[in-house]
C-alpha cells in the first residue's frame, strides 16, 4: 500500500513509499484492503501530530498485486509531477518517519 496526502489550501502533496504491511485484512469478493479508513486515519494523525498539519486529505491505495500497485503509484505521482498545468511541490515521506501499522479487523 501507499499513502497520498493533499490539502486544498496549498500546492504541496505528499507520498509515502510503497509499504508491505503484514497481517492486513482483504475482502474476499473484490480482494480490496479492509479498513482502509483506519490506515488513512493513521496517516492523517501523523500529519496532525508530528508535522502540525491538521485537516489534510489522506488516501490509501492498496493492491495484493505489487506490479499493479507500482503502476498506480507511478501514474498518480506523475499526475502531480508532470501531468498538471499547476505546479505542485511533490514530497516523499520516508518510511523511517511514517510506517503503516496493521489494523485488526476481526471485530468488524
N, C-alpha and C. Protein backbone atom coordinates (compact mmCIF):
# COMPACT_ATOMS: atom_id res chain seq x y z
N UNK A 1 0.84 -1.18 0.00
CA UNK A 1 0.00 0.00 0.00
C UNK A 1 0.89 1.24 0.00
N UNK A 2 0.31 2.35 -0.39
CA UNK A 2 0.99 3.64 -0.25
C UNK A 2 -0.04 4.68 0.13
N UNK A 3 0.45 5.78 0.68
CA UNK A 3 -0.43 6.85 1.09
C UNK A 3 -0.17 8.11 0.29
N UNK A 4 -1.21 8.90 0.14
CA UNK A 4 -1.16 10.17 -0.56
C UNK A 4 -1.83 11.21 0.33
N UNK A 5 -1.19 12.37 0.47
CA UNK A 5 -1.72 13.42 1.35
C UNK A 5 -1.74 14.74 0.58
N UNK A 6 -2.87 15.44 0.67
CA UNK A 6 -3.01 16.73 0.00
C UNK A 6 -3.87 17.65 0.84
N UNK A 7 -3.84 18.92 0.47
CA UNK A 7 -4.68 19.92 1.11
C UNK A 7 -5.18 20.86 0.03
N UNK A 8 -6.38 21.35 0.21
CA UNK A 8 -6.92 22.32 -0.74
C UNK A 8 -6.34 23.71 -0.51
N UNK A 9 -5.59 23.87 0.58
CA UNK A 9 -5.04 25.18 0.94
C UNK A 9 -3.63 25.45 0.41
N UNK A 10 -2.96 24.42 -0.08
CA UNK A 10 -1.62 24.66 -0.65
C UNK A 10 -1.34 23.67 -1.77
N UNK A 11 -0.23 23.85 -2.44
CA UNK A 11 0.09 23.03 -3.60
C UNK A 11 1.12 21.94 -3.29
N UNK A 12 1.31 21.63 -2.02
CA UNK A 12 2.24 20.57 -1.64
C UNK A 12 1.47 19.28 -1.44
N UNK A 13 1.93 18.21 -2.08
CA UNK A 13 1.35 16.89 -1.90
C UNK A 13 2.44 15.96 -1.41
N UNK A 14 2.04 14.94 -0.69
CA UNK A 14 2.99 14.00 -0.09
C UNK A 14 2.63 12.58 -0.49
N UNK A 15 3.67 11.77 -0.69
CA UNK A 15 3.50 10.35 -0.97
C UNK A 15 4.37 9.56 0.00
N UNK A 16 3.81 8.46 0.52
CA UNK A 16 4.66 7.50 1.22
C UNK A 16 5.26 6.60 0.15
N UNK A 17 6.28 5.86 0.50
CA UNK A 17 6.76 4.82 -0.39
C UNK A 17 5.76 3.68 -0.35
N UNK A 18 5.87 2.78 -1.30
CA UNK A 18 5.04 1.57 -1.25
C UNK A 18 5.54 0.75 -0.08
N UNK A 19 4.62 0.38 0.80
CA UNK A 19 4.98 -0.36 2.00
C UNK A 19 4.24 -1.69 2.04
N UNK A 20 4.97 -2.73 2.38
CA UNK A 20 4.34 -4.02 2.61
C UNK A 20 3.94 -4.07 4.07
N UNK A 21 2.67 -4.32 4.32
CA UNK A 21 2.16 -4.37 5.69
C UNK A 21 1.69 -5.79 5.95
N UNK A 22 2.27 -6.41 6.95
CA UNK A 22 1.89 -7.79 7.29
C UNK A 22 0.55 -7.82 8.01
N UNK A 23 -0.14 -8.91 7.86
CA UNK A 23 -1.38 -9.19 8.59
C UNK A 23 -2.52 -8.22 8.27
N UNK A 24 -2.61 -7.79 7.02
CA UNK A 24 -3.75 -6.94 6.65
C UNK A 24 -4.93 -7.84 6.29
N UNK A 25 -6.11 -7.29 6.40
CA UNK A 25 -7.33 -8.00 6.05
C UNK A 25 -7.75 -7.57 4.65
N UNK A 26 -8.12 -8.55 3.83
CA UNK A 26 -8.52 -8.29 2.46
C UNK A 26 -9.93 -8.86 2.27
N UNK A 27 -10.80 -8.09 1.61
CA UNK A 27 -12.15 -8.59 1.36
C UNK A 27 -12.09 -9.75 0.38
N UNK A 28 -12.95 -10.73 0.60
CA UNK A 28 -12.93 -11.95 -0.23
C UNK A 28 -13.37 -11.68 -1.66
N UNK A 29 -14.45 -10.95 -1.79
CA UNK A 29 -15.06 -10.79 -3.10
C UNK A 29 -14.20 -9.97 -4.07
N UNK A 30 -13.74 -8.82 -3.65
CA UNK A 30 -13.03 -7.93 -4.56
C UNK A 30 -11.53 -7.83 -4.28
N UNK A 31 -11.05 -8.57 -3.28
CA UNK A 31 -9.63 -8.53 -2.91
C UNK A 31 -9.15 -7.11 -2.61
N UNK A 32 -10.01 -6.37 -1.89
CA UNK A 32 -9.67 -4.99 -1.51
C UNK A 32 -9.23 -4.96 -0.06
N UNK A 33 -8.44 -3.98 0.28
CA UNK A 33 -7.98 -3.80 1.64
C UNK A 33 -9.15 -3.45 2.54
N UNK A 34 -9.35 -4.23 3.58
CA UNK A 34 -10.42 -3.95 4.55
C UNK A 34 -9.92 -2.90 5.54
N UNK A 35 -10.79 -2.01 5.92
CA UNK A 35 -10.43 -0.99 6.91
C UNK A 35 -9.51 0.10 6.38
N UNK A 36 -9.65 0.41 5.10
CA UNK A 36 -8.81 1.47 4.50
C UNK A 36 -8.90 2.77 5.28
N UNK A 37 -10.07 3.05 5.82
CA UNK A 37 -10.24 4.30 6.58
C UNK A 37 -9.33 4.33 7.81
N UNK A 38 -9.06 3.18 8.41
CA UNK A 38 -8.16 3.13 9.56
C UNK A 38 -6.72 3.49 9.16
N UNK A 39 -6.32 3.03 7.98
CA UNK A 39 -4.97 3.32 7.50
C UNK A 39 -4.83 4.80 7.10
N UNK A 40 -5.84 5.34 6.47
CA UNK A 40 -5.78 6.76 6.11
C UNK A 40 -5.82 7.62 7.38
N UNK A 41 -6.52 7.15 8.40
CA UNK A 41 -6.54 7.86 9.68
C UNK A 41 -5.16 7.87 10.33
N UNK A 42 -4.42 6.77 10.21
CA UNK A 42 -3.04 6.73 10.74
C UNK A 42 -2.20 7.83 10.09
N UNK A 43 -2.34 7.96 8.79
CA UNK A 43 -1.58 8.98 8.05
C UNK A 43 -2.03 10.38 8.43
N UNK A 44 -3.32 10.57 8.57
CA UNK A 44 -3.86 11.88 8.96
C UNK A 44 -3.37 12.28 10.35
N UNK A 45 -3.38 11.34 11.28
CA UNK A 45 -2.91 11.62 12.64
C UNK A 45 -1.41 11.94 12.65
N UNK A 46 -0.65 11.26 11.82
CA UNK A 46 0.78 11.55 11.71
C UNK A 46 0.99 13.01 11.29
N UNK A 47 0.24 13.46 10.30
CA UNK A 47 0.39 14.84 9.84
C UNK A 47 -0.11 15.84 10.87
N UNK A 48 -1.17 15.52 11.55
CA UNK A 48 -1.72 16.44 12.55
C UNK A 48 -0.80 16.56 13.76
N UNK A 49 -0.25 15.45 14.22
CA UNK A 49 0.52 15.48 15.46
C UNK A 49 2.02 15.67 15.25
N UNK A 50 2.60 14.98 14.29
CA UNK A 50 4.06 15.05 14.11
C UNK A 50 4.50 16.22 13.22
N UNK A 51 3.64 16.59 12.28
CA UNK A 51 4.00 17.67 11.35
C UNK A 51 3.21 18.95 11.59
N UNK A 52 2.31 18.93 12.56
CA UNK A 52 1.43 20.08 12.85
C UNK A 52 0.73 20.58 11.60
N UNK A 53 0.20 19.64 10.84
CA UNK A 53 -0.54 19.95 9.61
C UNK A 53 -1.89 19.24 9.66
N UNK A 54 -2.84 19.80 10.42
CA UNK A 54 -4.15 19.15 10.52
C UNK A 54 -4.99 19.36 9.26
N UNK A 55 -6.10 18.68 9.21
CA UNK A 55 -7.09 18.84 8.15
C UNK A 55 -6.55 18.53 6.76
N UNK A 56 -5.73 17.50 6.67
CA UNK A 56 -5.23 17.05 5.37
C UNK A 56 -6.13 15.94 4.84
N UNK A 57 -6.24 15.86 3.55
CA UNK A 57 -6.96 14.77 2.92
C UNK A 57 -5.96 13.65 2.69
N UNK A 58 -6.24 12.48 3.27
CA UNK A 58 -5.33 11.35 3.19
C UNK A 58 -6.02 10.18 2.50
N UNK A 59 -5.31 9.60 1.56
CA UNK A 59 -5.84 8.49 0.78
C UNK A 59 -4.83 7.34 0.85
N UNK A 60 -5.35 6.14 0.99
CA UNK A 60 -4.51 4.95 0.97
C UNK A 60 -4.89 4.13 -0.26
N UNK A 61 -3.87 3.74 -1.02
CA UNK A 61 -4.09 2.92 -2.21
C UNK A 61 -3.39 1.59 -1.95
N UNK A 62 -4.12 0.51 -2.15
CA UNK A 62 -3.56 -0.82 -1.88
C UNK A 62 -3.96 -1.81 -2.96
N UNK A 63 -3.13 -2.81 -3.11
CA UNK A 63 -3.42 -3.89 -4.04
C UNK A 63 -2.60 -5.11 -3.63
N UNK A 64 -3.15 -6.30 -3.78
CA UNK A 64 -2.40 -7.51 -3.44
C UNK A 64 -1.34 -7.80 -4.51
N UNK A 65 -1.50 -7.23 -5.69
CA UNK A 65 -0.54 -7.40 -6.79
C UNK A 65 0.43 -6.21 -6.79
N UNK A 66 1.68 -6.45 -6.44
CA UNK A 66 2.68 -5.39 -6.33
C UNK A 66 2.87 -4.63 -7.64
N UNK A 67 2.90 -5.34 -8.76
CA UNK A 67 3.11 -4.67 -10.05
C UNK A 67 1.98 -3.69 -10.38
N UNK A 68 0.74 -4.09 -10.10
CA UNK A 68 -0.39 -3.20 -10.33
C UNK A 68 -0.31 -1.98 -9.41
N UNK A 69 0.12 -2.20 -8.19
CA UNK A 69 0.26 -1.10 -7.24
C UNK A 69 1.36 -0.14 -7.68
N UNK A 70 2.48 -0.68 -8.14
CA UNK A 70 3.57 0.17 -8.63
C UNK A 70 3.13 1.01 -9.83
N UNK A 71 2.34 0.42 -10.70
CA UNK A 71 1.82 1.13 -11.87
C UNK A 71 0.93 2.30 -11.43
N UNK A 72 0.04 2.04 -10.47
CA UNK A 72 -0.85 3.08 -9.95
C UNK A 72 -0.04 4.18 -9.26
N UNK A 73 0.99 3.80 -8.51
CA UNK A 73 1.85 4.74 -7.80
C UNK A 73 2.54 5.69 -8.79
N UNK A 74 3.12 5.12 -9.82
CA UNK A 74 3.82 5.93 -10.83
C UNK A 74 2.85 6.85 -11.56
N UNK A 75 1.70 6.31 -11.92
CA UNK A 75 0.69 7.12 -12.63
C UNK A 75 0.23 8.29 -11.78
N UNK A 76 -0.05 8.02 -10.51
CA UNK A 76 -0.54 9.07 -9.62
C UNK A 76 0.54 10.11 -9.35
N UNK A 77 1.76 9.67 -9.14
CA UNK A 77 2.86 10.60 -8.86
C UNK A 77 3.15 11.47 -10.09
N UNK A 78 3.14 10.86 -11.26
CA UNK A 78 3.39 11.62 -12.49
C UNK A 78 2.30 12.65 -12.75
N UNK A 79 1.10 12.37 -12.30
CA UNK A 79 0.00 13.32 -12.45
C UNK A 79 0.33 14.65 -11.78
N UNK A 80 1.02 14.58 -10.66
CA UNK A 80 1.37 15.79 -9.91
C UNK A 80 2.74 16.34 -10.30
N UNK A 81 3.61 15.50 -10.83
CA UNK A 81 4.94 15.97 -11.22
C UNK A 81 4.95 16.61 -12.60
N UNK A 82 4.36 15.93 -13.58
CA UNK A 82 4.44 16.43 -14.96
C UNK A 82 3.09 16.61 -15.65
N UNK A 83 2.06 15.98 -15.13
CA UNK A 83 0.77 15.99 -15.83
C UNK A 83 -0.16 17.13 -15.46
N UNK A 84 0.34 18.12 -14.76
CA UNK A 84 -0.54 19.19 -14.30
C UNK A 84 -0.06 20.53 -14.81
N UNK A 85 -1.00 21.39 -15.15
CA UNK A 85 -0.66 22.75 -15.57
C UNK A 85 -0.21 23.57 -14.37
N UNK A 86 -0.76 23.24 -13.23
CA UNK A 86 -0.44 23.94 -12.00
C UNK A 86 0.76 23.23 -11.33
N UNK A 87 1.79 23.97 -10.96
CA UNK A 87 2.95 23.30 -10.36
C UNK A 87 2.66 22.82 -8.92
N UNK A 88 2.99 21.58 -8.67
CA UNK A 88 2.84 21.00 -7.34
C UNK A 88 4.22 20.74 -6.75
N UNK A 89 4.31 20.88 -5.47
CA UNK A 89 5.52 20.53 -4.74
C UNK A 89 5.29 19.11 -4.22
N UNK A 90 5.91 18.13 -4.87
CA UNK A 90 5.71 16.73 -4.52
C UNK A 90 6.82 16.30 -3.57
N UNK A 91 6.42 15.81 -2.40
CA UNK A 91 7.39 15.40 -1.40
C UNK A 91 7.15 13.96 -0.98
N UNK A 92 8.23 13.27 -0.66
CA UNK A 92 8.15 11.89 -0.19
C UNK A 92 8.21 11.86 1.33
N UNK A 93 7.48 10.92 1.91
CA UNK A 93 7.53 10.69 3.34
C UNK A 93 8.37 9.43 3.54
N UNK A 94 9.49 9.57 4.19
CA UNK A 94 10.39 8.43 4.40
C UNK A 94 9.73 7.40 5.30
N UNK A 95 10.04 6.14 5.04
CA UNK A 95 9.49 5.06 5.86
C UNK A 95 10.03 5.13 7.29
N UNK A 96 11.16 5.79 7.47
CA UNK A 96 11.69 5.98 8.83
C UNK A 96 10.86 6.99 9.60
N UNK A 97 10.12 7.85 8.89
CA UNK A 97 9.25 8.84 9.54
C UNK A 97 7.84 8.30 9.79
N UNK A 98 7.32 7.57 8.80
CA UNK A 98 5.96 7.05 8.93
C UNK A 98 5.88 5.65 8.33
N UNK A 99 5.29 4.76 9.08
CA UNK A 99 5.08 3.39 8.61
C UNK A 99 3.68 2.95 9.01
N UNK A 100 2.92 2.41 8.06
CA UNK A 100 1.59 1.91 8.36
C UNK A 100 1.68 0.74 9.34
N UNK A 101 0.77 0.73 10.30
CA UNK A 101 0.68 -0.36 11.27
C UNK A 101 -0.54 -1.22 10.93
N UNK A 102 -0.43 -2.55 11.06
CA UNK A 102 -1.57 -3.42 10.78
C UNK A 102 -2.77 -3.10 11.67
N UNK A 103 -3.95 -3.24 11.12
CA UNK A 103 -5.20 -2.99 11.85
C UNK A 103 -5.93 -4.31 12.01
N UNK A 104 -6.35 -4.61 13.21
CA UNK A 104 -7.10 -5.82 13.50
C UNK A 104 -8.57 -5.60 13.14
N UNK A 105 -9.03 -6.30 12.11
CA UNK A 105 -10.40 -6.15 11.65
C UNK A 105 -11.29 -7.31 12.07
N UNK A 106 -10.85 -8.11 13.03
CA UNK A 106 -11.60 -9.30 13.42
C UNK A 106 -12.95 -8.98 14.07
N UNK A 107 -13.10 -7.81 14.64
CA UNK A 107 -14.36 -7.43 15.27
C UNK A 107 -15.33 -6.74 14.32
N UNK A 108 -14.92 -6.50 13.10
CA UNK A 108 -15.79 -5.76 12.17
C UNK A 108 -16.26 -6.62 11.04
